[in-house]
Amino acid sequence: TISRDDAKTTSYLQMNNLKPEDTGVYYCSMY
């Protein structure tokens, strides 16, 4: 689940039921 809090200029990514194939480096981007 992705969410945002603009007052905090922050983005969140809640990751549940993680699997081995989710392994990696996670990058955020903003426009």
PDB file of all heavy atoms in Angstrom:
ATOM      1  N   THR A   1       0.847  -1.191   0.000  1.00  0.00           N
ATOM      2  CA  THR A   1       0.000   0.000   0.000  1.00  0.00           C
ATOM      3  C   THR A   1       0.883   1.241   0.000  1.00  0.00           C
ATOM      4  O   THR A   1       1.724   1.403   0.893  1.00  0.00           O
ATOM      5  CB  THR A   1      -0.922   0.036   1.225  1.00  0.00           C
ATOM      6  OG1 THR A   1      -1.740  -1.146   1.252  1.00  0.00           O
ATOM      7  CG2 THR A   1      -1.815   1.266   1.180  1.00  0.00           C
ATOM      8  N   ILE A   2       0.669   2.092  -0.982  1.00  0.00           N
ATOM      9  CA  ILE A   2       1.398   3.359  -1.032  1.00  0.00           C
ATOM     10  C   ILE A   2       0.499   4.456  -0.476  1.00  0.00           C
ATOM     11  O   ILE A   2      -0.715   4.445  -0.694  1.00  0.00           O
ATOM     12  CB  ILE A   2       1.848   3.690  -2.479  1.00  0.00           C
ATOM     13  CG1 ILE A   2       2.762   4.923  -2.495  1.00  0.00           C
ATOM     14  CG2 ILE A   2       0.653   3.875  -3.402  1.00  0.00           C
ATOM     15  CD1 ILE A   2       3.401   5.181  -3.859  1.00  0.00           C
ATOM     16  N   SER A   3       1.093   5.374   0.267  1.00  0.00           N
ATOM     17  CA  SER A   3       0.340   6.493   0.816  1.00  0.00           C
ATOM     18  C   SER A   3       1.251   7.718   0.853  1.00  0.00           C
ATOM     19  O   SER A   3       2.446   7.612   0.607  1.00  0.00           O
ATOM     20  CB  SER A   3      -0.201   6.168   2.212  1.00  0.00           C
ATOM     21  OG  SER A   3       0.858   5.882   3.110  1.00  0.00           O
ATOM     22  N   ARG A   4       0.643   8.857   1.174  1.00  0.00           N
ATOM     23  CA  ARG A   4       1.421  10.084   1.209  1.00  0.00           C
ATOM     24  C   ARG A   4       0.917  11.018   2.289  1.00  0.00           C
ATOM     25  O   ARG A   4      -0.288  11.004   2.613  1.00  0.00           O
ATOM     26  CB  ARG A   4       1.385  10.778  -0.159  1.00  0.00           C
ATOM     27  CG  ARG A   4       0.005  11.183  -0.629  1.00  0.00           C
ATOM     28  CD  ARG A   4       0.034  11.632  -2.099  1.00  0.00           C
ATOM     29  NE  ARG A   4       0.673  12.923  -2.261  1.00  0.00           N
ATOM     30  CZ  ARG A   4       1.070  13.402  -3.443  1.00  0.00           C
ATOM     31  NH1 ARG A   4       0.911  12.681  -4.539  1.00  0.00           N
ATOM     32  NH2 ARG A   4       1.633  14.607  -3.527  1.00  0.00           N
ATOM     33  N   ASP A   5       1.815  11.828   2.804  1.00  0.00           N
ATOM     34  CA  ASP A   5       1.475  12.874   3.761  1.00  0.00           C
ATOM     35  C   ASP A   5       2.160  14.131   3.244  1.00  0.00           C
ATOM     36  O   ASP A   5       3.354  14.336   3.474  1.00  0.00           O
ATOM     37  CB  ASP A   5       1.961  12.498   5.163  1.00  0.00           C
ATOM     38  CG  ASP A   5       1.547  13.512   6.217  1.00  0.00           C
ATOM     39  OD1 ASP A   5       1.275  14.678   5.869  1.00  0.00           O
ATOM     40  OD2 ASP A   5       1.496  13.146   7.398  1.00  0.00           O
ATOM     41  N   ASP A   6       1.418  14.945   2.538  1.00  0.00           N
ATOM     42  CA  ASP A   6       2.029  16.114   1.906  1.00  0.00           C
ATOM     43  C   ASP A   6       2.519  17.128   2.935  1.00  0.00           C
ATOM     44  O   ASP A   6       3.500  17.841   2.685  1.00  0.00           O
ATOM     45  CB  ASP A   6       1.040  16.763   0.941  1.00  0.00           C
ATOM     46  CG  ASP A   6       0.868  15.933  -0.318  1.00  0.00           C
ATOM     47  OD1 ASP A   6       0.146  14.910  -0.285  1.00  0.00           O
ATOM     48  OD2 ASP A   6       1.476  16.309  -1.334  1.00  0.00           O
ATOM     49  N   ALA A   7       1.863  17.210   4.075  1.00  0.00           N
ATOM     50  CA  ALA A   7       2.307  18.139   5.115  1.00  0.00           C
ATOM     51  C   ALA A   7       3.713  17.781   5.601  1.00  0.00           C
ATOM     52  O   ALA A   7       4.478  18.662   6.003  1.00  0.00           O
ATOM     53  CB  ALA A   7       1.336  18.127   6.283  1.00  0.00           C
ATOM     54  N   LYS A   8       4.032  16.489   5.543  1.00  0.00           N
ATOM     55  CA  LYS A   8       5.352  16.020   5.950  1.00  0.00           C
ATOM     56  C   LYS A   8       6.251  15.750   4.744  1.00  0.00           C
ATOM     57  O   LYS A   8       7.359  15.251   4.921  1.00  0.00           O
ATOM     58  CB  LYS A   8       5.226  14.741   6.788  1.00  0.00           C
ATOM     59  CG  LYS A   8       4.496  14.933   8.105  1.00  0.00           C
ATOM     60  CD  LYS A   8       4.438  13.634   8.904  1.00  0.00           C
ATOM     61  CE  LYS A   8       3.738  13.852  10.237  1.00  0.00           C
ATOM     62  NZ  LYS A   8       3.645  12.600  11.027  1.00  0.00           N
ATOM     63  N   THR A   9       5.784  16.063   3.563  1.00  0.00           N
ATOM     64  CA  THR A   9       6.490  15.798   2.290  1.00  0.00           C
ATOM     65  C   THR A   9       7.052  14.386   2.276  1.00  0.00           C
ATOM     66  O   THR A   9       8.209  14.147   1.900  1.00  0.00           O
ATOM     67  CB  THR A   9       7.614  16.827   2.042  1.00  0.00           C
ATOM     68  OG1 THR A   9       8.614  16.734   3.072  1.00  0.00           O
ATOM     69  CG2 THR A   9       7.074  18.229   1.972  1.00  0.00           C
ATOM     70  N   THR A  10       6.205  13.444   2.670  1.00  0.00           N
ATOM     71  CA  THR A  10       6.640  12.056   2.845  1.00  0.00           C
ATOM     72  C   THR A  10       5.737  11.083   2.110  1.00  0.00           C
ATOM     73  O   THR A  10       4.511  11.260   2.108  1.00  0.00           O
ATOM     74  CB  THR A  10       6.694  11.693   4.337  1.00  0.00           C
ATOM     75  OG1 THR A  10       7.665  12.528   4.990  1.00  0.00           O
ATOM     76  CG2 THR A  10       7.087  10.232   4.543  1.00  0.00           C
ATOM     77  N   SER A  11       6.362  10.077   1.544  1.00  0.00           N
ATOM     78  CA  SER A  11       5.658   8.961   0.923  1.00  0.00           C
ATOM     79  C   SER A  11       5.955   7.706   1.725  1.00  0.00           C
ATOM     80  O   SER A  11       7.064   7.555   2.257  1.00  0.00           O
ATOM     81  CB  SER A  11       6.157   8.784  -0.513  1.00  0.00           C
ATOM     82  OG  SER A  11       5.670   7.589  -1.081  1.00  0.00           O
ATOM     83  N   TYR A  12       4.976   6.812   1.811  1.00  0.00           N
ATOM     84  CA  TYR A  12       5.146   5.566   2.537  1.00  0.00           C
ATOM     85  C   TYR A  12       4.826   4.384   1.622  1.00  0.00           C
ATOM     86  O   TYR A  12       3.977   4.481   0.737  1.00  0.00           O
ATOM     87  CB  TYR A  12       4.208   5.506   3.750  1.00  0.00           C
ATOM     88  CG  TYR A  12       4.372   6.648   4.712  1.00  0.00           C
ATOM     89  CD1 TYR A  12       3.501   7.739   4.661  1.00  0.00           C
ATOM     90  CD2 TYR A  12       5.377   6.653   5.671  1.00  0.00           C
ATOM     91  CE1 TYR A  12       3.642   8.798   5.534  1.00  0.00           C
ATOM     92  CE2 TYR A  12       5.524   7.715   6.556  1.00  0.00           C
ATOM     93  CZ  TYR A  12       4.649   8.782   6.474  1.00  0.00           C
ATOM     94  OH  TYR A  12       4.792   9.841   7.352  1.00  0.00           O
ATOM     95  N   LEU A  13       5.493   3.271   1.875  1.00  0.00           N
ATOM     96  CA  LEU A  13       5.153   2.023   1.195  1.00  0.00           C
ATOM     97  C   LEU A  13       5.049   0.942   2.264  1.00  0.00           C
ATOM     98  O   LEU A  13       6.060   0.503   2.821  1.00  0.00           O
ATOM     99  CB  LEU A  13       6.202   1.641   0.155  1.00  0.00           C
ATOM    100  CG  LEU A  13       5.835   0.427  -0.697  1.00  0.00           C
ATOM    101  CD1 LEU A  13       4.639   0.748  -1.598  1.00  0.00           C
ATOM    102  CD2 LEU A  13       7.019  -0.042  -1.550  1.00  0.00           C
ATOM    103  N   GLN A  14       3.819   0.558   2.569  1.00  0.00           N
ATOM    104  CA  GLN A  14       3.575  -0.524   3.520  1.00  0.00           C
ATOM    105  C   GLN A  14       3.608  -1.833   2.756  1.00  0.00           C
ATOM    106  O   GLN A  14       2.840  -2.025   1.803  1.00  0.00           O
ATOM    107  CB  GLN A  14       2.222  -0.339   4.203  1.00  0.00           C
ATOM    108  CG  GLN A  14       1.855  -1.463   5.155  1.00  0.00           C
ATOM    109  CD  GLN A  14       2.745  -1.527   6.373  1.00  0.00           C
ATOM    110  OE1 GLN A  14       3.061  -0.492   6.966  1.00  0.00           O
ATOM    111  NE2 GLN A  14       3.181  -2.726   6.756  1.00  0.00           N
ATOM    112  N   MET A  15       4.495  -2.718   3.155  1.00  0.00           N
ATOM    113  CA  MET A  15       4.671  -3.981   2.443  1.00  0.00           C
ATOM    114  C   MET A  15       4.342  -5.129   3.388  1.00  0.00           C
ATOM    115  O   MET A  15       5.016  -5.313   4.409  1.00  0.00           O
ATOM    116  CB  MET A  15       6.116  -4.101   1.944  1.00  0.00           C
ATOM    117  CG  MET A  15       6.564  -2.930   1.089  1.00  0.00           C
ATOM    118  SD  MET A  15       8.202  -3.145   0.376  1.00  0.00           S
ATOM    119  CE  MET A  15       9.215  -3.141   1.847  1.00  0.00           C
ATOM    120  N   ASN A  16       3.294  -5.878   3.060  1.00  0.00           N
ATOM    121  CA  ASN A  16       2.857  -7.007   3.872  1.00  0.00           C
ATOM    122  C   ASN A  16       3.035  -8.309   3.096  1.00  0.00           C
ATOM    123  O   ASN A  16       3.149  -8.308   1.871  1.00  0.00           O
ATOM    124  CB  ASN A  16       1.398  -6.838   4.273  1.00  0.00           C
ATOM    125  CG  ASN A  16       1.157  -5.617   5.122  1.00  0.00           C
ATOM    126  OD1 ASN A  16       2.019  -5.184   5.894  1.00  0.00           O
ATOM    127  ND2 ASN A  16      -0.020  -5.031   4.982  1.00  0.00           N
ATOM    128  N   ASN A  17       3.027  -9.410   3.827  1.00  0.00           N
ATOM    129  CA  ASN A  17       3.163 -10.730   3.210  1.00  0.00           C
ATOM    130  C   ASN A  17       4.330 -10.752   2.218  1.00  0.00           C
ATOM    131  O   ASN A  17       4.179 -11.187   1.061  1.00  0.00           O
ATOM    132  CB  ASN A  17       1.860 -11.135   2.513  1.00  0.00           C
ATOM    133  CG  ASN A  17       1.861 -12.578   2.071  1.00  0.00           C
ATOM    134  OD1 ASN A  17       2.611 -13.403   2.591  1.00  0.00           O
ATOM    135  ND2 ASN A  17       1.017 -12.884   1.098  1.00  0.00           N
ATOM    136  N   LEU A  18       5.463 -10.306   2.670  1.00  0.00           N
ATOM    137  CA  LEU A  18       6.627 -10.210   1.802  1.00  0.00           C
ATOM    138  C   LEU A  18       7.100 -11.576   1.330  1.00  0.00           C
ATOM    139  O   LEU A  18       7.003 -12.565   2.065  1.00  0.00           O
ATOM    140  CB  LEU A  18       7.766  -9.468   2.522  1.00  0.00           C
ATOM    141  CG  LEU A  18       7.587  -7.943   2.558  1.00  0.00           C
ATOM    142  CD1 LEU A  18       8.424  -7.330   3.667  1.00  0.00           C
ATOM    143  CD2 LEU A  18       7.924  -7.344   1.209  1.00  0.00           C
ATOM    144  N   LYS A  19       7.612 -11.602   0.122  1.00  0.00           N
ATOM    145  CA  LYS A  19       8.104 -12.822  -0.505  1.00  0.00           C
ATOM    146  C   LYS A  19       9.580 -12.646  -0.869  1.00  0.00           C
ATOM    147  O   LYS A  19      10.035 -11.517  -1.078  1.00  0.00           O
ATOM    148  CB  LYS A  19       7.300 -13.117  -1.767  1.00  0.00           C
ATOM    149  CG  LYS A  19       5.802 -13.222  -1.535  1.00  0.00           C
ATOM    150  CD  LYS A  19       5.058 -13.423  -2.846  1.00  0.00           C
ATOM    151  CE  LYS A  19       3.565 -13.533  -2.609  1.00  0.00           C
ATOM    152  NZ  LYS A  19       2.820 -13.747  -3.880  1.00  0.00           N
ATOM    153  N   PRO A  20      10.312 -13.739  -0.993  1.00  0.00           N
ATOM    154  CA  PRO A  20      11.737 -13.619  -1.368  1.00  0.00           C
ATOM    155  C   PRO A  20      11.941 -12.834  -2.663  1.00  0.00           C
ATOM    156  O   PRO A  20      12.936 -12.111  -2.795  1.00  0.00           O
ATOM    157  CB  PRO A  20      12.179 -15.069  -1.506  1.00  0.00           C
ATOM    158  CG  PRO A  20      11.296 -15.811  -0.551  1.00  0.00           C
ATOM    159  CD  PRO A  20       9.961 -15.126  -0.648  1.00  0.00           C
ATOM    160  N   GLU A  21      10.998 -12.937  -3.587  1.00  0.00           N
ATOM    161  CA  GLU A  21      11.131 -12.210  -4.843  1.00  0.00           C
ATOM    162  C   GLU A  21      10.925 -10.702  -4.705  1.00  0.00           C
ATOM    163  O   GLU A  21      11.121  -9.959  -5.660  1.00  0.00           O
ATOM    164  CB  GLU A  21      10.179 -12.763  -5.912  1.00  0.00           C
ATOM    165  CG  GLU A  21       8.739 -12.869  -5.461  1.00  0.00           C
ATOM    166  CD  GLU A  21       8.399 -14.265  -4.955  1.00  0.00           C
ATOM    167  OE1 GLU A  21       9.223 -14.877  -4.229  1.00  0.00           O
ATOM    168  OE2 GLU A  21       7.285 -14.738  -5.279  1.00  0.00           O
ATOM    169  N   ASP A  22      10.550 -10.246  -3.517  1.00  0.00           N
ATOM    170  CA  ASP A  22      10.457  -8.808  -3.254  1.00  0.00           C
ATOM    171  C   ASP A  22      11.815  -8.219  -2.873  1.00  0.00           C
ATOM    172  O   ASP A  22      11.939  -6.997  -2.726  1.00  0.00           O
ATOM    173  CB  ASP A  22       9.466  -8.530  -2.120  1.00  0.00           C
ATOM    174  CG  ASP A  22       8.040  -8.878  -2.482  1.00  0.00           C
ATOM    175  OD1 ASP A  22       7.629  -8.578  -3.620  1.00  0.00           O
ATOM    176  OD2 ASP A  22       7.333  -9.448  -1.626  1.00  0.00           O
ATOM    177  N   THR A  23      12.814  -9.058  -2.720  1.00  0.00           N
ATOM    178  CA  THR A  23      14.149  -8.593  -2.345  1.00  0.00           C
ATOM    179  C   THR A  23      14.724  -7.656  -3.397  1.00  0.00           C
ATOM    180  O   THR A  23      14.599  -7.894  -4.595  1.00  0.00           O
ATOM    181  CB  THR A  23      15.101  -9.799  -2.170  1.00  0.00           C
ATOM    182  OG1 THR A  23      14.668 -10.554  -1.041  1.00  0.00           O
ATOM    183  CG2 THR A  23      16.535  -9.351  -1.964  1.00  0.00           C
ATOM    184  N   GLY A  24      15.351  -6.575  -2.916  1.00  0.00           N
ATOM    185  CA  GLY A  24      15.973  -5.631  -3.821  1.00  0.00           C
ATOM    186  C   GLY A  24      16.215  -4.302  -3.141  1.00  0.00           C
ATOM    187  O   GLY A  24      15.905  -4.133  -1.955  1.00  0.00           O
ATOM    188  N   VAL A  25      16.758  -3.375  -3.897  1.00  0.00           N
ATOM    189  CA  VAL A  25      16.919  -2.003  -3.411  1.00  0.00           C
ATOM    190  C   VAL A  25      15.689  -1.222  -3.850  1.00  0.00           C
ATOM    191  O   VAL A  25      15.334  -1.220  -5.038  1.00  0.00           O
ATOM    192  CB  VAL A  25      18.194  -1.346  -3.964  1.00  0.00           C
ATOM    193  CG1 VAL A  25      18.309   0.086  -3.461  1.00  0.00           C
ATOM    194  CG2 VAL A  25      19.423  -2.158  -3.567  1.00  0.00           C
ATOM    195  N   TYR A  26      15.043  -0.591  -2.894  1.00  0.00           N
ATOM    196  CA  TYR A  26      13.826   0.166  -3.160  1.00  0.00           C
ATOM    197  C   TYR A  26      14.164   1.658  -3.224  1.00  0.00           C
ATOM    198  O   TYR A  26      14.818   2.197  -2.316  1.00  0.00           O
ATOM    199  CB  TYR A  26      12.785  -0.103  -2.085  1.00  0.00           C
ATOM    200  CG  TYR A  26      12.095  -1.432  -2.280  1.00  0.00           C
ATOM    201  CD1 TYR A  26      12.782  -2.630  -2.104  1.00  0.00           C
ATOM    202  CD2 TYR A  26      10.751  -1.501  -2.668  1.00  0.00           C
ATOM    203  CE1 TYR A  26      12.156  -3.849  -2.305  1.00  0.00           C
ATOM    204  CE2 TYR A  26      10.118  -2.715  -2.868  1.00  0.00           C
ATOM    205  CZ  TYR A  26      10.827  -3.888  -2.691  1.00  0.00           C
ATOM    206  OH  TYR A  26      10.203  -5.096  -2.902  1.00  0.00           O
ATOM    207  N   TYR A  27      13.703   2.290  -4.292  1.00  0.00           N
ATOM    208  CA  TYR A  27      13.933   3.707  -4.522  1.00  0.00           C
ATOM    209  C   TYR A  27      12.607   4.455  -4.561  1.00  0.00           C
ATOM    210  O   TYR A  27      11.636   3.970  -5.139  1.00  0.00           O
ATOM    211  CB  TYR A  27      14.630   3.929  -5.864  1.00  0.00           C
ATOM    212  CG  TYR A  27      15.980   3.269  -6.001  1.00  0.00           C
ATOM    213  CD1 TYR A  27      16.085   1.965  -6.482  1.00  0.00           C
ATOM    214  CD2 TYR A  27      17.146   3.954  -5.677  1.00  0.00           C
ATOM    215  CE1 TYR A  27      17.325   1.358  -6.629  1.00  0.00           C
ATOM    216  CE2 TYR A  27      18.385   3.358  -5.807  1.00  0.00           C
ATOM    217  CZ  TYR A  27      18.464   2.062  -6.284  1.00  0.00           C
ATOM    218  OH  TYR A  27      19.685   1.464  -6.429  1.00  0.00           O
ATOM    219  N   CYS A  28      12.585   5.629  -3.977  1.00  0.00           N
ATOM    220  CA  CYS A  28      11.406   6.466  -4.111  1.00  0.00           C
ATOM    221  C   CYS A  28      11.713   7.569  -5.119  1.00  0.00           C
ATOM    222  O   CYS A  28      12.873   7.935  -5.331  1.00  0.00           O
ATOM    223  CB  CYS A  28      10.979   7.070  -2.783  1.00  0.00           C
ATOM    224  SG  CYS A  28      12.072   8.326  -2.131  1.00  0.00           S
ATOM    225  N   SER A  29      10.671   8.063  -5.731  1.00  0.00           N
ATOM    226  CA  SER A  29      10.797   9.209  -6.617  1.00  0.00           C
ATOM    227  C   SER A  29       9.619  10.139  -6.397  1.00  0.00           C
ATOM    228  O   SER A  29       8.531   9.694  -5.996  1.00  0.00           O
ATOM    229  CB  SER A  29      10.869   8.772  -8.086  1.00  0.00           C
ATOM    230  OG  SER A  29       9.603   8.387  -8.557  1.00  0.00           O
ATOM    231  N   MET A  30       9.850  11.396  -6.620  1.00  0.00           N
ATOM    232  CA  MET A  30       8.796  12.402  -6.524  1.00  0.00           C
ATOM    233  C   MET A  30       8.968  13.381  -7.671  1.00  0.00           C
ATOM    234  O   MET A  30      10.101  13.701  -8.056  1.00  0.00           O
ATOM    235  CB  MET A  30       8.879  13.158  -5.195  1.00  0.00           C
ATOM    236  CG  MET A  30       8.623  12.311  -3.976  1.00  0.00           C
ATOM    237  SD  MET A  30       8.524  13.335  -2.482  1.00  0.00           S
ATOM    238  CE  MET A  30       8.426  12.084  -1.213  1.00  0.00           C
ATOM    239  N   TYR A  31       7.821  13.842  -8.189  1.00  0.00           N
ATOM    240  CA  TYR A  31       7.881  14.863  -9.232  1.00  0.00           C
ATOM    241  C   TYR A  31       7.597  16.210  -8.572  1.00  0.00           C
ATOM    242  O   TYR A  31       6.471  16.470  -8.120  1.00  0.00           O
ATOM    243  CB  TYR A  31       6.871  14.580 -10.339  1.00  0.00           C
ATOM    244  CG  TYR A  31       7.070  15.500 -11.510  1.00  0.00           C
ATOM    245  CD1 TYR A  31       8.001  15.201 -12.496  1.00  0.00           C
ATOM    246  CD2 TYR A  31       6.369  16.698 -11.608  1.00  0.00           C
ATOM    247  CE1 TYR A  31       8.222  16.061 -13.558  1.00  0.00           C
ATOM    248  CE2 TYR A  31       6.576  17.559 -12.662  1.00  0.00           C
ATOM    249  CZ  TYR A  31       7.501  17.233 -13.635  1.00  0.00           C
ATOM    250  OH  TYR A  31       7.723  18.096 -14.685  1.00  0.00           O
TER     251      TYR A  31
END
